[in-house]
């Protein structure tokens, strides 16, 4: 995944997908039941493959994806603290991350969705 905006997301793909095709997207690090739906809104040819833009079908799903993105940042922050030798729980790391970074959490990017 390259970026997430209020209306969709984009990702790199070695395969070109046709505009308009419906997709079900699963976030690999999440519970297997976490799937969202969308359709290919745009495709850009890149040096090594394609960038695919997906527009979300449902506004509630768009909100959930933003929350998942934030959870992924928290998980990464926690893992970094552990690698640095800090003994902390995920809950402690989440509280710390929220205090330090939540106000700077990326606002939805205006894209072509």
C-alpha atoms as a PDB file:
ATOM      1  CA  UNK A   1       0.000   0.000   0.000  1.00  0.00           C
ATOM      2  CA  UNK A   2       1.335   3.424  -0.922  1.00  0.00           C
ATOM      3  CA  UNK A   3      -1.133   5.797   0.659  1.00  0.00           C
ATOM      4  CA  UNK A   4      -4.563   6.012   2.184  1.00  0.00           C
ATOM      5  CA  UNK A   5      -6.940   8.903   1.791  1.00  0.00           C
ATOM      6  CA  UNK A   6     -10.468   9.605   2.912  1.00  0.00           C
ATOM      7  CA  UNK A   7     -11.905   8.113  -0.251  1.00  0.00           C
ATOM      8  CA  UNK A   8      -9.523   5.316  -1.125  1.00  0.00           C
ATOM      9  CA  UNK A   9      -6.024   3.926  -1.229  1.00  0.00           C
ATOM     10  CA  UNK A  10      -3.319   3.202  -3.743  1.00  0.00           C
ATOM     11  CA  UNK A  11      -0.907   0.313  -4.074  1.00  0.00           C
ATOM     12  CA  UNK A  12       1.826  -0.998  -6.351  1.00  0.00           C
ATOM     13  CA  UNK A  13       1.081  -3.958  -8.554  1.00  0.00           C
ATOM     14  CA  UNK A  14       3.086  -5.843 -11.163  1.00  0.00           C
ATOM     15  CA  UNK A  15      -0.213  -6.468 -12.966  1.00  0.00           C
ATOM     16  CA  UNK A  16      -2.447  -3.892 -14.610  1.00  0.00           C
ATOM     17  CA  UNK A  17      -6.019  -4.018 -13.353  1.00  0.00           C
ATOM     18  CA  UNK A  18      -8.833  -2.607 -15.480  1.00  0.00           C
ATOM     19  CA  UNK A  19     -10.534   0.571 -14.277  1.00  0.00           C
ATOM     20  CA  UNK A  20     -13.935  -0.099 -12.745  1.00  0.00           C
ATOM     21  CA  UNK A  21     -13.238  -3.643 -11.586  1.00  0.00           C
ATOM     22  CA  UNK A  22     -14.512  -4.438  -8.060  1.00  0.00           C
ATOM     23  CA  UNK A  23     -11.935  -5.526  -5.466  1.00  0.00           C
ATOM     24  CA  UNK A  24     -12.002  -7.023  -2.006  1.00  0.00           C
ATOM     25  CA  UNK A  25      -8.948  -5.916  -0.072  1.00  0.00           C
ATOM     26  CA  UNK A  26      -7.617  -7.665   2.997  1.00  0.00           C
ATOM     27  CA  UNK A  27      -5.015  -6.117   5.283  1.00  0.00           C
ATOM     28  CA  UNK A  28      -2.462  -8.951   5.850  1.00  0.00           C
ATOM     29  CA  UNK A  29      -1.518  -8.049   9.409  1.00  0.00           C
ATOM     30  CA  UNK A  30      -5.139  -7.858  10.501  1.00  0.00           C
ATOM     31  CA  UNK A  31      -7.713 -10.505  11.350  1.00  0.00           C
ATOM     32  CA  UNK A  32      -8.641 -12.456   8.216  1.00  0.00           C
ATOM     33  CA  UNK A  33     -12.199 -11.194   8.531  1.00  0.00           C
ATOM     34  CA  UNK A  34     -11.099  -7.588   7.918  1.00  0.00           C
ATOM     35  CA  UNK A  35     -11.930  -7.008   4.272  1.00  0.00           C
ATOM     36  CA  UNK A  36     -12.991  -3.843   2.505  1.00  0.00           C
ATOM     37  CA  UNK A  37     -14.502  -3.366  -0.905  1.00  0.00           C
ATOM     38  CA  UNK A  38     -13.802  -0.827  -3.587  1.00  0.00           C
ATOM     39  CA  UNK A  39     -13.294  -0.409  -7.284  1.00  0.00           C
ATOM     40  CA  UNK A  40     -10.271   0.507  -9.389  1.00  0.00           C
ATOM     41  CA  UNK A  41     -10.636   4.246  -9.954  1.00  0.00           C
ATOM     42  CA  UNK A  42      -7.379   4.857 -11.830  1.00  0.00           C
ATOM     43  CA  UNK A  43      -4.216   3.127 -13.042  1.00  0.00           C
ATOM     44  CA  UNK A  44      -0.799   4.687 -13.712  1.00  0.00           C
ATOM     45  CA  UNK A  45       2.023   2.926 -15.548  1.00  0.00           C
ATOM     46  CA  UNK A  46       5.258   2.986 -13.544  1.00  0.00           C
ATOM     47  CA  UNK A  47       8.809   1.856 -14.361  1.00  0.00           C
ATOM     48  CA  UNK A  48       8.203  -1.511 -12.689  1.00  0.00           C
ATOM     49  CA  UNK A  49       4.498  -2.207 -12.889  1.00  0.00           C
ATOM     50  CA  UNK A  50       1.508  -0.047 -12.021  1.00  0.00           C
ATOM     51  CA  UNK A  51       0.097   2.150  -9.305  1.00  0.00           C
ATOM     52  CA  UNK A  52      -3.531   1.254  -8.736  1.00  0.00           C
ATOM     53  CA  UNK A  53      -5.983   3.690  -7.143  1.00  0.00           C
ATOM     54  CA  UNK A  54      -8.949   2.109  -5.379  1.00  0.00           C
ATOM     55  CA  UNK A  55     -12.031   4.095  -4.381  1.00  0.00           C
ATOM     56  CA  UNK A  56     -13.847   2.789  -1.324  1.00  0.00           C
ATOM     57  CA  UNK A  57     -17.420   1.683  -1.768  1.00  0.00           C
ATOM     58  CA  UNK A  58     -18.516   2.589   1.757  1.00  0.00           C
ATOM     59  CA  UNK A  59     -17.605   5.640   3.894  1.00  0.00           C
ATOM     60  CA  UNK A  60     -17.598   3.513   7.055  1.00  0.00           C
ATOM     61  CA  UNK A  61     -15.009   1.230   5.476  1.00  0.00           C
ATOM     62  CA  UNK A  62     -12.898   4.269   4.569  1.00  0.00           C
ATOM     63  CA  UNK A  63     -12.903   5.302   8.233  1.00  0.00           C
ATOM     64  CA  UNK A  64     -11.939   1.777   9.317  1.00  0.00           C
ATOM     65  CA  UNK A  65      -8.974   1.759   6.939  1.00  0.00           C
ATOM     66  CA  UNK A  66      -7.687   5.011   8.468  1.00  0.00           C
ATOM     67  CA  UNK A  67      -7.990   3.426  11.906  1.00  0.00           C
ATOM     68  CA  UNK A  68      -6.110   0.325  10.719  1.00  0.00           C
ATOM     69  CA  UNK A  69      -3.385   2.579   9.334  1.00  0.00           C
ATOM     70  CA  UNK A  70      -3.056   4.208  12.748  1.00  0.00           C
ATOM     71  CA  UNK A  71      -2.931   0.789  14.446  1.00  0.00           C
ATOM     72  CA  UNK A  72      -0.135  -0.251  12.095  1.00  0.00           C
ATOM     73  CA  UNK A  73       1.856   2.851  13.090  1.00  0.00           C
ATOM     74  CA  UNK A  74       1.346   1.989  16.770  1.00  0.00           C
ATOM     75  CA  UNK A  75       2.408  -1.632  16.204  1.00  0.00           C
ATOM     76  CA  UNK A  76       5.546  -0.449  14.392  1.00  0.00           C
ATOM     77  CA  UNK A  77       6.333   2.017  17.195  1.00  0.00           C
ATOM     78  CA  UNK A  78       5.964  -0.766  19.772  1.00  0.00           C
ATOM     79  CA  UNK A  79       8.252  -3.105  17.809  1.00  0.00           C
ATOM     80  CA  UNK A  80      10.891  -0.356  17.518  1.00  0.00           C
ATOM     81  CA  UNK A  81      10.794   0.200  21.290  1.00  0.00           C
ATOM     82  CA  UNK A  82      11.256  -3.532  21.888  1.00  0.00           C
ATOM     83  CA  UNK A  83      14.218  -3.665  19.472  1.00  0.00           C
ATOM     84  CA  UNK A  84      15.796  -0.775  21.390  1.00  0.00           C
ATOM     85  CA  UNK A  85      15.483  -2.827  24.590  1.00  0.00           C
ATOM     86  CA  UNK A  86      12.540  -0.990  26.124  1.00  0.00           C
ATOM     87  CA  UNK A  87      10.231  -3.319  28.000  1.00  0.00           C
ATOM     88  CA  UNK A  88       6.706  -2.096  27.365  1.00  0.00           C
ATOM     89  CA  UNK A  89       3.261  -3.434  26.625  1.00  0.00           C
ATOM     90  CA  UNK A  90       1.342  -2.674  23.454  1.00  0.00           C
ATOM     91  CA  UNK A  91      -1.088  -0.641  25.569  1.00  0.00           C
ATOM     92  CA  UNK A  92       1.738   1.492  26.987  1.00  0.00           C
ATOM     93  CA  UNK A  93       3.226   1.971  23.529  1.00  0.00           C
ATOM     94  CA  UNK A  94      -0.190   2.927  22.145  1.00  0.00           C
ATOM     95  CA  UNK A  95      -0.725   5.551  24.842  1.00  0.00           C
ATOM     96  CA  UNK A  96       2.733   6.964  24.242  1.00  0.00           C
ATOM     97  CA  UNK A  97       2.317   6.987  20.446  1.00  0.00           C
ATOM     98  CA  UNK A  98      -1.048   8.742  20.743  1.00  0.00           C
ATOM     99  CA  UNK A  99       0.437  11.397  23.025  1.00  0.00           C
ATOM    100  CA  UNK A 100       3.462  11.947  20.769  1.00  0.00           C
ATOM    101  CA  UNK A 101       2.101  11.518  17.257  1.00  0.00           C
ATOM    102  CA  UNK A 102      -1.699  11.429  17.024  1.00  0.00           C
ATOM    103  CA  UNK A 103      -1.978  15.168  16.422  1.00  0.00           C
ATOM    104  CA  UNK A 104       0.432  14.798  13.491  1.00  0.00           C
ATOM    105  CA  UNK A 105      -1.216  11.672  12.102  1.00  0.00           C
ATOM    106  CA  UNK A 106      -1.613  12.284   8.383  1.00  0.00           C
ATOM    107  CA  UNK A 107      -4.790  13.942   7.410  1.00  0.00           C
ATOM    108  CA  UNK A 108      -6.538  12.306   4.462  1.00  0.00           C
ATOM    109  CA  UNK A 109      -4.781  13.160   1.242  1.00  0.00           C
ATOM    110  CA  UNK A 110      -6.819  14.611  -1.608  1.00  0.00           C
ATOM    111  CA  UNK A 111      -6.497  12.066  -4.417  1.00  0.00           C
ATOM    112  CA  UNK A 112      -8.471  11.240  -7.501  1.00  0.00           C
ATOM    113  CA  UNK A 113     -11.258   9.334  -5.746  1.00  0.00           C
END
